[in-house]
Amino acid sequence: MIEHVLSRPVVAVDTFTDPVEPPVLFREEEELIARAVDARRSEFGTVRACARAALAVLGIDAVPILRGPCGEPVWPAGVVGSMTHCEGYRAAAVAREGELAAVGIDAEPHRPLPGDELDVIARPEELGPLSGLRVRWPEICWDRLLFSAKESVYKAWFPLTGRWLGFEEALIDFDPEAGSFRARLLVPGPTVGGRRLPGFDGHWLARDGLLLTAVAVPSD
């Protein structure tokens, strides 16, 4: 399903189920989840199996995919990528560093956000447009989609900056008919290809009880 929000040069692999036999992990990966419950171990292993399958398409041998100091995946040299997992879905997307500067993907269950979580993730300027979108397209959980878009933006932002990006530091504008969105950064953006980026462009999809968002940042 993720191929509908990403295109070449990204290689993406996804699955809706965990295999009966858990994927074989590297020793270093096993150490990361030594105390994890079974459900966490399953999603951890399956999403890494997706990542290794995607890397294989790029001609890269299987390697451990560990975590950096902020929990980000550590990819082989010369590769950019992103992983995501939620109830009933796991996915990974990778590309060569010379073709893309960064990739960010996120998957969420297609359900409204709980409680007052929207107040935490949304800027005041985003609430009015979200209300309008709910009226015209009530079948979409726009609050959860906003959360997912900001997650994808962060996953693309962090490898380029090494810094945290708060929910309030990006302003999302959805195009419901094109299935796209624009993220305007409200802090100085990363420099890519000799210029400072004012924001990121992304795509989204609502299907089969899931919301998917993706950002692919060109290297030039």
N, C-alpha and C. Protein backbone atom coordinates (compact mmCIF):
# COMPACT_ATOMS: atom_id res chain seq x y z
N MET A 1 0.81 -1.21 0.00
CA MET A 1 0.00 0.00 0.00
C MET A 1 0.85 1.26 0.00
N ILE A 2 2.04 1.18 0.55
CA ILE A 2 2.85 2.38 0.71
C ILE A 2 3.35 2.93 -0.62
N GLU A 3 3.34 2.10 -1.67
CA GLU A 3 3.80 2.59 -2.97
C GLU A 3 2.88 3.69 -3.51
N HIS A 4 1.69 3.85 -2.95
CA HIS A 4 0.78 4.90 -3.42
C HIS A 4 1.16 6.28 -2.89
N VAL A 5 2.03 6.35 -1.91
CA VAL A 5 2.46 7.65 -1.39
C VAL A 5 3.96 7.88 -1.58
N LEU A 6 4.63 6.94 -2.19
CA LEU A 6 6.05 7.06 -2.48
C LEU A 6 6.31 6.57 -3.90
N SER A 7 7.31 7.11 -4.53
CA SER A 7 7.68 6.67 -5.88
C SER A 7 9.19 6.63 -5.99
N ARG A 8 9.69 6.12 -7.10
CA ARG A 8 11.14 6.05 -7.29
C ARG A 8 11.75 7.44 -7.13
N PRO A 9 12.97 7.50 -6.54
CA PRO A 9 13.91 6.40 -6.29
C PRO A 9 13.72 5.68 -4.95
N VAL A 10 12.61 5.90 -4.27
CA VAL A 10 12.38 5.21 -3.00
C VAL A 10 12.02 3.75 -3.27
N VAL A 11 12.59 2.85 -2.47
CA VAL A 11 12.19 1.45 -2.47
C VAL A 11 11.46 1.21 -1.15
N ALA A 12 10.22 0.75 -1.23
CA ALA A 12 9.42 0.55 -0.02
C ALA A 12 8.87 -0.86 0.02
N VAL A 13 8.82 -1.42 1.22
CA VAL A 13 8.26 -2.76 1.45
C VAL A 13 7.33 -2.66 2.65
N ASP A 14 6.15 -3.26 2.54
CA ASP A 14 5.23 -3.23 3.67
C ASP A 14 4.53 -4.57 3.82
N THR A 15 3.87 -4.74 4.95
CA THR A 15 3.11 -5.95 5.23
C THR A 15 2.01 -5.63 6.24
N PHE A 16 0.95 -6.41 6.19
CA PHE A 16 -0.17 -6.22 7.11
C PHE A 16 -0.15 -7.21 8.27
N THR A 17 0.77 -8.16 8.22
CA THR A 17 0.80 -9.20 9.25
C THR A 17 2.23 -9.50 9.67
N ASP A 18 2.38 -10.00 10.88
CA ASP A 18 3.66 -10.54 11.32
C ASP A 18 3.73 -12.01 10.94
N PRO A 19 4.87 -12.51 10.49
CA PRO A 19 4.97 -13.92 10.13
C PRO A 19 4.80 -14.82 11.35
N VAL A 20 4.36 -16.04 11.09
CA VAL A 20 4.19 -17.01 12.18
C VAL A 20 5.53 -17.25 12.85
N GLU A 21 6.56 -17.44 12.04
CA GLU A 21 7.92 -17.59 12.57
C GLU A 21 8.57 -16.22 12.62
N PRO A 22 8.94 -15.73 13.78
CA PRO A 22 9.54 -14.39 13.88
C PRO A 22 10.79 -14.27 13.01
N PRO A 23 10.99 -13.14 12.35
CA PRO A 23 12.21 -12.94 11.56
C PRO A 23 13.46 -13.07 12.42
N VAL A 24 14.51 -13.58 11.82
CA VAL A 24 15.78 -13.73 12.52
C VAL A 24 16.41 -12.35 12.68
N LEU A 25 16.81 -12.04 13.90
CA LEU A 25 17.43 -10.76 14.19
C LEU A 25 18.92 -10.93 14.42
N PHE A 26 19.66 -9.87 14.18
CA PHE A 26 21.08 -9.86 14.54
C PHE A 26 21.21 -9.75 16.06
N ARG A 27 22.34 -10.21 16.55
CA ARG A 27 22.57 -10.20 18.00
C ARG A 27 22.41 -8.79 18.57
N GLU A 28 22.93 -7.80 17.85
CA GLU A 28 22.83 -6.42 18.34
C GLU A 28 21.37 -5.96 18.42
N GLU A 29 20.55 -6.44 17.49
CA GLU A 29 19.13 -6.09 17.53
C GLU A 29 18.42 -6.80 18.67
N GLU A 30 18.77 -8.05 18.89
CA GLU A 30 18.20 -8.81 20.00
C GLU A 30 18.44 -8.09 21.32
N GLU A 31 19.62 -7.49 21.46
CA GLU A 31 19.95 -6.80 22.70
C GLU A 31 19.04 -5.59 22.93
N LEU A 32 18.57 -4.98 21.84
CA LEU A 32 17.71 -3.81 21.96
C LEU A 32 16.34 -4.15 22.54
N ILE A 33 15.88 -5.38 22.31
CA ILE A 33 14.53 -5.76 22.75
C ILE A 33 14.57 -6.94 23.71
N ALA A 34 15.66 -7.09 24.41
CA ALA A 34 15.82 -8.24 25.31
C ALA A 34 14.70 -8.32 26.34
N ARG A 35 14.16 -7.19 26.77
CA ARG A 35 13.12 -7.18 27.80
C ARG A 35 11.74 -6.84 27.24
N ALA A 36 11.62 -6.83 25.92
CA ALA A 36 10.35 -6.43 25.31
C ALA A 36 9.31 -7.55 25.38
N VAL A 37 8.04 -7.15 25.40
CA VAL A 37 6.95 -8.12 25.36
C VAL A 37 6.85 -8.69 23.94
N ASP A 38 6.09 -9.77 23.79
CA ASP A 38 6.02 -10.47 22.51
C ASP A 38 5.52 -9.57 21.38
N ALA A 39 4.51 -8.75 21.65
CA ALA A 39 3.97 -7.89 20.60
C ALA A 39 5.02 -6.91 20.09
N ARG A 40 5.79 -6.35 21.01
CA ARG A 40 6.85 -5.42 20.62
C ARG A 40 7.94 -6.14 19.83
N ARG A 41 8.28 -7.35 20.24
CA ARG A 41 9.29 -8.12 19.53
C ARG A 41 8.82 -8.41 18.10
N SER A 42 7.55 -8.72 17.94
CA SER A 42 7.02 -9.05 16.61
C SER A 42 7.10 -7.85 15.68
N GLU A 43 6.61 -6.69 16.14
CA GLU A 43 6.63 -5.53 15.26
C GLU A 43 8.06 -5.07 14.97
N PHE A 44 8.94 -5.18 15.96
CA PHE A 44 10.34 -4.82 15.80
C PHE A 44 10.98 -5.69 14.72
N GLY A 45 10.76 -7.00 14.81
CA GLY A 45 11.37 -7.91 13.84
C GLY A 45 10.78 -7.78 12.46
N THR A 46 9.45 -7.62 12.36
CA THR A 46 8.81 -7.55 11.05
C THR A 46 9.20 -6.28 10.31
N VAL A 47 9.25 -5.15 11.00
CA VAL A 47 9.59 -3.92 10.30
C VAL A 47 11.05 -3.95 9.84
N ARG A 48 11.91 -4.63 10.57
CA ARG A 48 13.29 -4.76 10.12
C ARG A 48 13.42 -5.75 8.97
N ALA A 49 12.57 -6.75 8.94
CA ALA A 49 12.54 -7.63 7.78
C ALA A 49 12.12 -6.85 6.54
N CYS A 50 11.15 -5.95 6.68
CA CYS A 50 10.75 -5.08 5.57
C CYS A 50 11.93 -4.21 5.13
N ALA A 51 12.64 -3.65 6.10
CA ALA A 51 13.77 -2.79 5.78
C ALA A 51 14.86 -3.56 5.05
N ARG A 52 15.16 -4.77 5.50
CA ARG A 52 16.21 -5.54 4.84
C ARG A 52 15.80 -5.95 3.42
N ALA A 53 14.50 -6.23 3.23
CA ALA A 53 14.02 -6.55 1.88
C ALA A 53 14.15 -5.34 0.97
N ALA A 54 13.88 -4.16 1.49
CA ALA A 54 14.03 -2.94 0.69
C ALA A 54 15.50 -2.67 0.38
N LEU A 55 16.37 -2.85 1.38
CA LEU A 55 17.80 -2.65 1.15
C LEU A 55 18.33 -3.63 0.11
N ALA A 56 17.81 -4.84 0.10
CA ALA A 56 18.26 -5.85 -0.87
C ALA A 56 17.99 -5.40 -2.30
N VAL A 57 16.88 -4.69 -2.51
CA VAL A 57 16.58 -4.16 -3.84
C VAL A 57 17.66 -3.17 -4.28
N LEU A 58 18.23 -2.46 -3.32
CA LEU A 58 19.33 -1.53 -3.61
C LEU A 58 20.67 -2.24 -3.73
N GLY A 59 20.67 -3.58 -3.54
CA GLY A 59 21.91 -4.35 -3.62
C GLY A 59 22.73 -4.31 -2.36
N ILE A 60 22.10 -4.03 -1.23
CA ILE A 60 22.81 -3.91 0.05
C ILE A 60 22.54 -5.14 0.89
N ASP A 61 23.59 -5.79 1.36
CA ASP A 61 23.45 -6.99 2.16
C ASP A 61 22.77 -6.69 3.50
N ALA A 62 22.20 -7.73 4.09
CA ALA A 62 21.53 -7.60 5.37
C ALA A 62 22.50 -7.15 6.45
N VAL A 63 22.11 -6.15 7.20
CA VAL A 63 22.93 -5.62 8.30
C VAL A 63 22.01 -5.32 9.47
N PRO A 64 22.54 -5.23 10.67
CA PRO A 64 21.71 -4.81 11.80
C PRO A 64 21.20 -3.39 11.60
N ILE A 65 19.95 -3.16 11.96
CA ILE A 65 19.40 -1.80 11.91
C ILE A 65 19.15 -1.41 13.35
N LEU A 66 20.07 -0.64 13.88
CA LEU A 66 20.05 -0.29 15.29
C LEU A 66 19.39 1.07 15.50
N ARG A 67 19.46 1.58 16.70
CA ARG A 67 18.85 2.87 17.03
C ARG A 67 19.91 3.86 17.42
N GLY A 68 19.72 5.10 16.97
CA GLY A 68 20.60 6.18 17.37
C GLY A 68 20.22 6.71 18.73
N PRO A 69 20.89 7.76 19.20
CA PRO A 69 20.66 8.28 20.55
C PRO A 69 19.26 8.80 20.79
N CYS A 70 18.54 9.18 19.73
CA CYS A 70 17.17 9.67 19.88
C CYS A 70 16.15 8.67 19.38
N GLY A 71 16.57 7.41 19.24
CA GLY A 71 15.66 6.36 18.82
C GLY A 71 15.52 6.21 17.33
N GLU A 72 16.22 7.03 16.55
CA GLU A 72 16.12 6.97 15.10
C GLU A 72 16.84 5.72 14.55
N PRO A 73 16.35 5.14 13.44
CA PRO A 73 17.06 4.00 12.85
C PRO A 73 18.40 4.43 12.27
N VAL A 74 19.39 3.57 12.43
CA VAL A 74 20.72 3.83 11.89
C VAL A 74 20.88 2.99 10.62
N TRP A 75 20.97 3.66 9.48
CA TRP A 75 21.02 2.98 8.19
C TRP A 75 22.46 2.77 7.73
N PRO A 76 22.68 1.83 6.81
CA PRO A 76 24.03 1.66 6.26
C PRO A 76 24.50 2.95 5.60
N ALA A 77 25.81 3.10 5.51
CA ALA A 77 26.38 4.29 4.88
C ALA A 77 25.84 4.44 3.45
N GLY A 78 25.50 5.67 3.10
CA GLY A 78 25.01 5.94 1.76
C GLY A 78 23.53 5.70 1.56
N VAL A 79 22.80 5.42 2.66
CA VAL A 79 21.37 5.12 2.57
C VAL A 79 20.60 6.07 3.48
N VAL A 80 19.45 6.53 3.01
CA VAL A 80 18.49 7.24 3.86
C VAL A 80 17.23 6.39 3.91
N GLY A 81 16.50 6.51 4.99
CA GLY A 81 15.31 5.67 5.09
C GLY A 81 14.45 6.01 6.29
N SER A 82 13.36 5.26 6.40
CA SER A 82 12.42 5.46 7.49
C SER A 82 11.63 4.17 7.69
N MET A 83 11.16 3.96 8.91
CA MET A 83 10.34 2.79 9.22
C MET A 83 9.13 3.25 10.01
N THR A 84 8.06 2.46 9.93
CA THR A 84 6.87 2.74 10.72
C THR A 84 6.12 1.46 11.01
N HIS A 85 5.39 1.46 12.11
CA HIS A 85 4.54 0.31 12.41
C HIS A 85 3.40 0.79 13.29
N CYS A 86 2.25 0.18 13.08
CA CYS A 86 1.09 0.41 13.92
C CYS A 86 0.27 -0.86 13.90
N GLU A 87 -0.84 -0.85 14.56
CA GLU A 87 -1.70 -2.03 14.61
C GLU A 87 -2.08 -2.46 13.19
N GLY A 88 -1.64 -3.67 12.79
CA GLY A 88 -2.00 -4.22 11.49
C GLY A 88 -1.19 -3.72 10.32
N TYR A 89 -0.05 -3.09 10.57
CA TYR A 89 0.75 -2.59 9.44
C TYR A 89 2.19 -2.34 9.87
N ARG A 90 3.15 -2.72 8.98
CA ARG A 90 4.57 -2.43 9.15
C ARG A 90 5.12 -2.05 7.78
N ALA A 91 6.04 -1.08 7.75
CA ALA A 91 6.60 -0.65 6.47
C ALA A 91 7.98 -0.03 6.66
N ALA A 92 8.78 -0.11 5.60
CA ALA A 92 10.09 0.54 5.58
C ALA A 92 10.31 1.11 4.19
N ALA A 93 11.01 2.23 4.12
CA ALA A 93 11.30 2.88 2.85
C ALA A 93 12.76 3.34 2.87
N VAL A 94 13.48 3.07 1.79
CA VAL A 94 14.89 3.44 1.72
C VAL A 94 15.20 4.01 0.34
N ALA A 95 16.30 4.76 0.27
CA ALA A 95 16.78 5.30 -1.00
C ALA A 95 18.27 5.57 -0.85
N ARG A 96 18.94 5.71 -1.98
CA ARG A 96 20.35 6.07 -1.93
C ARG A 96 20.50 7.54 -1.60
N GLU A 97 21.53 7.83 -0.81
CA GLU A 97 21.72 9.18 -0.30
C GLU A 97 21.93 10.19 -1.42
N GLY A 98 22.52 9.79 -2.52
CA GLY A 98 22.74 10.72 -3.62
C GLY A 98 21.49 11.07 -4.37
N GLU A 99 20.43 10.26 -4.20
CA GLU A 99 19.18 10.51 -4.92
C GLU A 99 18.15 11.22 -4.06
N LEU A 100 18.15 10.95 -2.77
CA LEU A 100 17.29 11.67 -1.84
C LEU A 100 18.10 12.09 -0.62
N ALA A 101 17.69 13.20 -0.04
CA ALA A 101 18.37 13.67 1.17
C ALA A 101 17.78 13.05 2.42
N ALA A 102 16.49 12.71 2.39
CA ALA A 102 15.83 12.13 3.55
C ALA A 102 14.48 11.56 3.14
N VAL A 103 14.01 10.61 3.95
CA VAL A 103 12.69 10.01 3.76
C VAL A 103 12.02 9.93 5.14
N GLY A 104 10.75 10.21 5.18
CA GLY A 104 9.98 10.04 6.41
C GLY A 104 8.64 9.41 6.11
N ILE A 105 8.30 8.34 6.81
CA ILE A 105 7.00 7.69 6.62
C ILE A 105 6.34 7.45 7.97
N ASP A 106 5.01 7.43 7.95
CA ASP A 106 4.28 7.14 9.19
C ASP A 106 2.96 6.46 8.84
N ALA A 107 2.55 5.51 9.66
CA ALA A 107 1.26 4.83 9.52
C ALA A 107 0.53 4.92 10.85
N GLU A 108 -0.77 5.15 10.77
CA GLU A 108 -1.60 5.27 11.96
C GLU A 108 -2.92 4.54 11.72
N PRO A 109 -3.54 4.03 12.77
CA PRO A 109 -4.90 3.50 12.61
C PRO A 109 -5.85 4.64 12.26
N HIS A 110 -6.79 4.36 11.37
CA HIS A 110 -7.70 5.42 10.92
C HIS A 110 -8.82 5.59 11.95
N ARG A 111 -8.44 6.22 13.05
CA ARG A 111 -9.37 6.51 14.15
C ARG A 111 -9.08 7.91 14.67
N PRO A 112 -10.07 8.58 15.25
CA PRO A 112 -9.82 9.91 15.82
C PRO A 112 -8.78 9.85 16.93
N LEU A 113 -8.08 10.95 17.13
CA LEU A 113 -7.15 11.03 18.24
C LEU A 113 -7.91 10.97 19.57
N PRO A 114 -7.32 10.40 20.58
CA PRO A 114 -8.00 10.34 21.88
C PRO A 114 -7.99 11.68 22.60
N GLY A 115 -9.03 11.91 23.37
CA GLY A 115 -9.08 13.04 24.29
C GLY A 115 -8.78 14.38 23.64
N ASP A 116 -7.92 15.15 24.32
CA ASP A 116 -7.57 16.49 23.84
C ASP A 116 -6.21 16.51 23.15
N GLU A 117 -5.82 15.36 22.57
CA GLU A 117 -4.49 15.28 21.96
C GLU A 117 -4.34 16.24 20.79
N LEU A 118 -5.44 16.55 20.09
CA LEU A 118 -5.36 17.49 18.98
C LEU A 118 -4.84 18.84 19.45
N ASP A 119 -5.22 19.25 20.65
CA ASP A 119 -4.76 20.53 21.18
C ASP A 119 -3.25 20.55 21.39
N VAL A 120 -2.67 19.37 21.56
CA VAL A 120 -1.23 19.27 21.78
C VAL A 120 -0.46 19.35 20.47
N ILE A 121 -1.01 18.75 19.40
CA ILE A 121 -0.24 18.66 18.14
C ILE A 121 -0.57 19.76 17.15
N ALA A 122 -1.73 20.39 17.27
CA ALA A 122 -2.16 21.35 16.25
C ALA A 122 -1.86 22.79 16.68
N ARG A 123 -1.44 23.60 15.73
CA ARG A 123 -1.33 25.03 15.94
C ARG A 123 -2.72 25.66 15.78
N PRO A 124 -2.94 26.81 16.40
CA PRO A 124 -4.25 27.46 16.24
C PRO A 124 -4.63 27.69 14.78
N GLU A 125 -3.63 28.00 13.94
CA GLU A 125 -3.91 28.26 12.52
C GLU A 125 -4.38 27.00 11.78
N GLU A 126 -4.11 25.83 12.34
CA GLU A 126 -4.50 24.59 11.67
C GLU A 126 -5.91 24.14 12.02
N LEU A 127 -6.46 24.63 13.13
CA LEU A 127 -7.75 24.14 13.60
C LEU A 127 -8.90 24.52 12.68
N GLY A 128 -8.90 25.77 12.18
CA GLY A 128 -9.95 26.20 11.28
C GLY A 128 -9.99 25.38 9.99
N PRO A 129 -8.87 25.25 9.28
CA PRO A 129 -8.87 24.42 8.09
C PRO A 129 -9.27 22.97 8.36
N LEU A 130 -8.87 22.42 9.50
CA LEU A 130 -9.27 21.05 9.83
C LEU A 130 -10.78 20.94 9.97
N SER A 131 -11.39 21.94 10.59
CA SER A 131 -12.85 21.92 10.73
C SER A 131 -13.53 21.93 9.36
N GLY A 132 -13.00 22.74 8.44
CA GLY A 132 -13.55 22.78 7.10
C GLY A 132 -13.39 21.46 6.37
N LEU A 133 -12.24 20.82 6.55
CA LEU A 133 -12.01 19.52 5.92
C LEU A 133 -12.97 18.47 6.47
N ARG A 134 -13.25 18.54 7.77
CA ARG A 134 -14.19 17.57 8.36
C ARG A 134 -15.59 17.71 7.76
N VAL A 135 -15.98 18.94 7.46
CA VAL A 135 -17.31 19.15 6.89
C VAL A 135 -17.39 18.58 5.48
N ARG A 136 -16.37 18.81 4.69
CA ARG A 136 -16.42 18.39 3.28
C ARG A 136 -16.06 16.93 3.09
N TRP A 137 -15.15 16.42 3.92
CA TRP A 137 -14.72 15.02 3.80
C TRP A 137 -14.79 14.36 5.18
N PRO A 138 -16.00 14.13 5.69
CA PRO A 138 -16.17 13.61 7.05
C PRO A 138 -15.67 12.18 7.22
N GLU A 139 -15.43 11.48 6.12
CA GLU A 139 -14.96 10.10 6.22
C GLU A 139 -13.49 10.00 6.60
N ILE A 140 -12.77 11.11 6.61
CA ILE A 140 -11.34 11.13 6.96
C ILE A 140 -11.18 11.65 8.39
N CYS A 141 -10.38 10.96 9.18
CA CYS A 141 -10.03 11.44 10.53
C CYS A 141 -8.88 12.44 10.39
N TRP A 142 -9.23 13.69 10.15
CA TRP A 142 -8.21 14.69 9.84
C TRP A 142 -7.29 14.98 11.02
N ASP A 143 -7.79 14.83 12.23
CA ASP A 143 -6.91 15.06 13.38
C ASP A 143 -5.78 14.04 13.42
N ARG A 144 -6.13 12.76 13.20
CA ARG A 144 -5.10 11.72 13.19
C ARG A 144 -4.18 11.88 11.98
N LEU A 145 -4.72 12.32 10.85
CA LEU A 145 -3.90 12.53 9.67
C LEU A 145 -2.90 13.66 9.91
N LEU A 146 -3.32 14.70 10.62
CA LEU A 146 -2.40 15.79 10.97
C LEU A 146 -1.26 15.26 11.81
N PHE A 147 -1.58 14.44 12.80
CA PHE A 147 -0.54 13.83 13.64
C PHE A 147 0.43 13.03 12.78
N SER A 148 -0.10 12.21 11.87
CA SER A 148 0.75 11.37 11.04
C SER A 148 1.65 12.22 10.13
N ALA A 149 1.09 13.27 9.54
CA ALA A 149 1.90 14.13 8.67
C ALA A 149 3.05 14.75 9.44
N LYS A 150 2.78 15.19 10.68
CA LYS A 150 3.85 15.81 11.46
C LYS A 150 4.89 14.77 11.87
N GLU A 151 4.48 13.53 12.08
CA GLU A 151 5.44 12.46 12.36
C GLU A 151 6.36 12.23 11.16
N SER A 152 5.78 12.18 9.95
CA SER A 152 6.59 11.98 8.76
C SER A 152 7.55 13.15 8.54
N VAL A 153 7.07 14.36 8.80
CA VAL A 153 7.94 15.54 8.68
C VAL A 153 9.11 15.43 9.65
N TYR A 154 8.83 15.05 10.88
CA TYR A 154 9.91 14.92 11.86
C TYR A 154 10.93 13.87 11.43
N LYS A 155 10.44 12.74 10.91
CA LYS A 155 11.35 11.66 10.51
C LYS A 155 12.23 12.07 9.33
N ALA A 156 11.74 12.98 8.48
CA ALA A 156 12.57 13.50 7.41
C ALA A 156 13.51 14.61 7.92
N TRP A 157 13.03 15.39 8.87
CA TRP A 157 13.79 16.51 9.43
C TRP A 157 15.01 16.04 10.23
N PHE A 158 14.80 15.06 11.11
CA PHE A 158 15.84 14.74 12.08
C PHE A 158 17.16 14.31 11.45
N PRO A 159 17.18 13.42 10.43
CA PRO A 159 18.48 13.04 9.85
C PRO A 159 19.22 14.22 9.22
N LEU A 160 18.49 15.26 8.83
CA LEU A 160 19.13 16.41 8.19
C LEU A 160 19.65 17.42 9.20
N THR A 161 19.14 17.37 10.41
CA THR A 161 19.48 18.40 11.40
C THR A 161 20.06 17.84 12.69
N GLY A 162 19.65 16.60 13.05
CA GLY A 162 20.05 16.05 14.34
C GLY A 162 19.38 16.75 15.50
N ARG A 163 18.27 17.47 15.23
CA ARG A 163 17.60 18.23 16.27
C ARG A 163 16.13 17.87 16.35
N TRP A 164 15.55 18.06 17.52
CA TRP A 164 14.12 17.85 17.74
C TRP A 164 13.32 18.89 16.96
N LEU A 165 12.15 18.50 16.48
CA LEU A 165 11.20 19.42 15.87
C LEU A 165 9.87 19.23 16.55
N GLY A 166 9.40 20.25 17.22
CA GLY A 166 8.14 20.14 17.95
C GLY A 166 6.93 20.21 17.02
N PHE A 167 5.80 19.69 17.50
CA PHE A 167 4.57 19.74 16.71
C PHE A 167 4.23 21.18 16.30
N GLU A 168 4.54 22.11 17.19
CA GLU A 168 4.18 23.51 16.95
C GLU A 168 5.12 24.21 15.99
N GLU A 169 6.17 23.52 15.55
CA GLU A 169 7.18 24.16 14.70
C GLU A 169 7.00 23.84 13.21
N ALA A 170 5.90 23.20 12.87
CA ALA A 170 5.58 22.94 11.46
C ALA A 170 4.09 23.16 11.26
N LEU A 171 3.75 23.82 10.17
CA LEU A 171 2.36 24.14 9.85
C LEU A 171 1.95 23.32 8.63
N ILE A 172 0.94 22.46 8.77
CA ILE A 172 0.54 21.53 7.72
C ILE A 172 -0.68 22.07 6.97
N ASP A 173 -0.59 22.01 5.65
CA ASP A 173 -1.70 22.40 4.79
C ASP A 173 -2.02 21.22 3.87
N PHE A 174 -3.22 20.65 3.98
CA PHE A 174 -3.61 19.48 3.20
C PHE A 174 -4.28 19.87 1.90
N ASP A 175 -3.99 19.10 0.86
CA ASP A 175 -4.74 19.16 -0.39
C ASP A 175 -5.50 17.84 -0.49
N PRO A 176 -6.78 17.81 -0.11
CA PRO A 176 -7.50 16.54 -0.05
C PRO A 176 -7.73 15.90 -1.41
N GLU A 177 -7.83 16.70 -2.45
CA GLU A 177 -8.10 16.13 -3.77
C GLU A 177 -6.86 15.53 -4.40
N ALA A 178 -5.69 16.09 -4.11
CA ALA A 178 -4.45 15.56 -4.65
C ALA A 178 -3.82 14.50 -3.74
N GLY A 179 -4.33 14.36 -2.51
CA GLY A 179 -3.72 13.44 -1.58
C GLY A 179 -2.32 13.87 -1.19
N SER A 180 -2.12 15.18 -1.04
CA SER A 180 -0.80 15.71 -0.73
C SER A 180 -0.90 16.68 0.44
N PHE A 181 0.24 17.10 0.93
CA PHE A 181 0.28 18.13 1.97
C PHE A 181 1.59 18.89 1.87
N ARG A 182 1.56 20.08 2.40
CA ARG A 182 2.74 20.94 2.47
C ARG A 182 3.01 21.24 3.93
N ALA A 183 4.24 21.05 4.35
CA ALA A 183 4.66 21.36 5.72
C ALA A 183 5.55 22.60 5.68
N ARG A 184 5.07 23.69 6.23
CA ARG A 184 5.88 24.91 6.31
C ARG A 184 6.59 24.94 7.65
N LEU A 185 7.90 24.99 7.60
CA LEU A 185 8.70 25.01 8.82
C LEU A 185 8.66 26.41 9.43
N LEU A 186 8.44 26.46 10.73
CA LEU A 186 8.38 27.74 11.44
C LEU A 186 9.66 28.01 12.20
N VAL A 187 10.67 27.20 11.94
CA VAL A 187 12.03 27.40 12.43
C VAL A 187 12.94 27.29 11.22
N PRO A 188 14.19 27.75 11.31
CA PRO A 188 15.09 27.64 10.16
C PRO A 188 15.21 26.19 9.68
N GLY A 189 14.97 25.99 8.40
CA GLY A 189 15.01 24.64 7.84
C GLY A 189 16.42 24.16 7.57
N PRO A 190 16.56 22.86 7.28
CA PRO A 190 17.87 22.32 6.96
C PRO A 190 18.36 22.82 5.61
N THR A 191 19.66 22.81 5.41
CA THR A 191 20.26 23.18 4.13
C THR A 191 20.50 21.92 3.32
N VAL A 192 19.92 21.87 2.14
CA VAL A 192 20.05 20.72 1.24
C VAL A 192 20.37 21.25 -0.15
N GLY A 193 21.40 20.69 -0.77
CA GLY A 193 21.78 21.13 -2.11
C GLY A 193 22.15 22.59 -2.18
N GLY A 194 22.69 23.11 -1.08
CA GLY A 194 23.14 24.50 -1.06
C GLY A 194 22.07 25.52 -0.76
N ARG A 195 20.84 25.09 -0.47
CA ARG A 195 19.80 26.06 -0.13
C ARG A 195 19.04 25.62 1.11
N ARG A 196 18.53 26.58 1.83
CA ARG A 196 17.78 26.29 3.05
C ARG A 196 16.33 25.99 2.68
N LEU A 197 15.83 24.87 3.15
CA LEU A 197 14.47 24.47 2.82
C LEU A 197 13.46 25.20 3.70
N PRO A 198 12.42 25.77 3.09
CA PRO A 198 11.37 26.41 3.89
C PRO A 198 10.35 25.41 4.41
N GLY A 199 10.36 24.19 3.86
CA GLY A 199 9.40 23.19 4.29
C GLY A 199 9.56 21.91 3.50
N PHE A 200 8.61 20.99 3.69
CA PHE A 200 8.63 19.70 3.02
C PHE A 200 7.29 19.47 2.32
N ASP A 201 7.34 18.73 1.23
CA ASP A 201 6.13 18.28 0.55
C ASP A 201 5.91 16.80 0.83
N GLY A 202 4.65 16.42 1.00
CA GLY A 202 4.36 15.02 1.30
C GLY A 202 3.08 14.55 0.64
N HIS A 203 2.81 13.27 0.80
CA HIS A 203 1.58 12.67 0.29
C HIS A 203 0.92 11.83 1.38
N TRP A 204 -0.38 11.60 1.23
CA TRP A 204 -1.11 10.83 2.23
C TRP A 204 -2.14 9.93 1.56
N LEU A 205 -2.55 8.93 2.32
CA LEU A 205 -3.52 7.96 1.82
C LEU A 205 -4.34 7.44 2.99
N ALA A 206 -5.64 7.31 2.78
CA ALA A 206 -6.54 6.67 3.75
C ALA A 206 -7.16 5.45 3.08
N ARG A 207 -6.85 4.26 3.64
CA ARG A 207 -7.36 3.04 3.02
C ARG A 207 -7.23 1.88 4.00
N ASP A 208 -8.19 0.96 3.93
CA ASP A 208 -8.14 -0.29 4.69
C ASP A 208 -7.93 -0.05 6.19
N GLY A 209 -8.58 0.97 6.71
CA GLY A 209 -8.49 1.23 8.14
C GLY A 209 -7.19 1.86 8.58
N LEU A 210 -6.41 2.38 7.64
CA LEU A 210 -5.11 2.97 7.95
C LEU A 210 -4.97 4.35 7.34
N LEU A 211 -4.12 5.16 7.95
CA LEU A 211 -3.67 6.42 7.38
C LEU A 211 -2.17 6.34 7.16
N LEU A 212 -1.72 6.66 5.96
CA LEU A 212 -0.30 6.67 5.63
C LEU A 212 0.12 8.05 5.19
N THR A 213 1.28 8.50 5.64
CA THR A 213 1.87 9.75 5.15
C THR A 213 3.32 9.50 4.82
N ALA A 214 3.83 10.29 3.89
CA ALA A 214 5.24 10.12 3.48
C ALA A 214 5.80 11.43 2.98
N VAL A 215 7.08 11.64 3.30
CA VAL A 215 7.84 12.80 2.83
C VAL A 215 9.13 12.27 2.21
N ALA A 216 9.44 12.72 1.00
CA ALA A 216 10.70 12.38 0.35
C ALA A 216 11.38 13.70 -0.04
N VAL A 217 12.58 13.93 0.49
CA VAL A 217 13.28 15.20 0.28
C VAL A 217 14.35 15.01 -0.78
N PRO A 218 14.22 15.67 -1.95
CA PRO A 218 15.23 15.54 -2.99
C PRO A 218 16.60 16.01 -2.52
N SER A 219 17.64 15.38 -3.00
CA SER A 219 18.99 15.76 -2.57
C SER A 219 19.48 17.04 -3.24
N ASP A 220 18.82 17.45 -4.31
CA ASP A 220 19.23 18.67 -4.99
C ASP A 220 18.18 19.76 -4.91
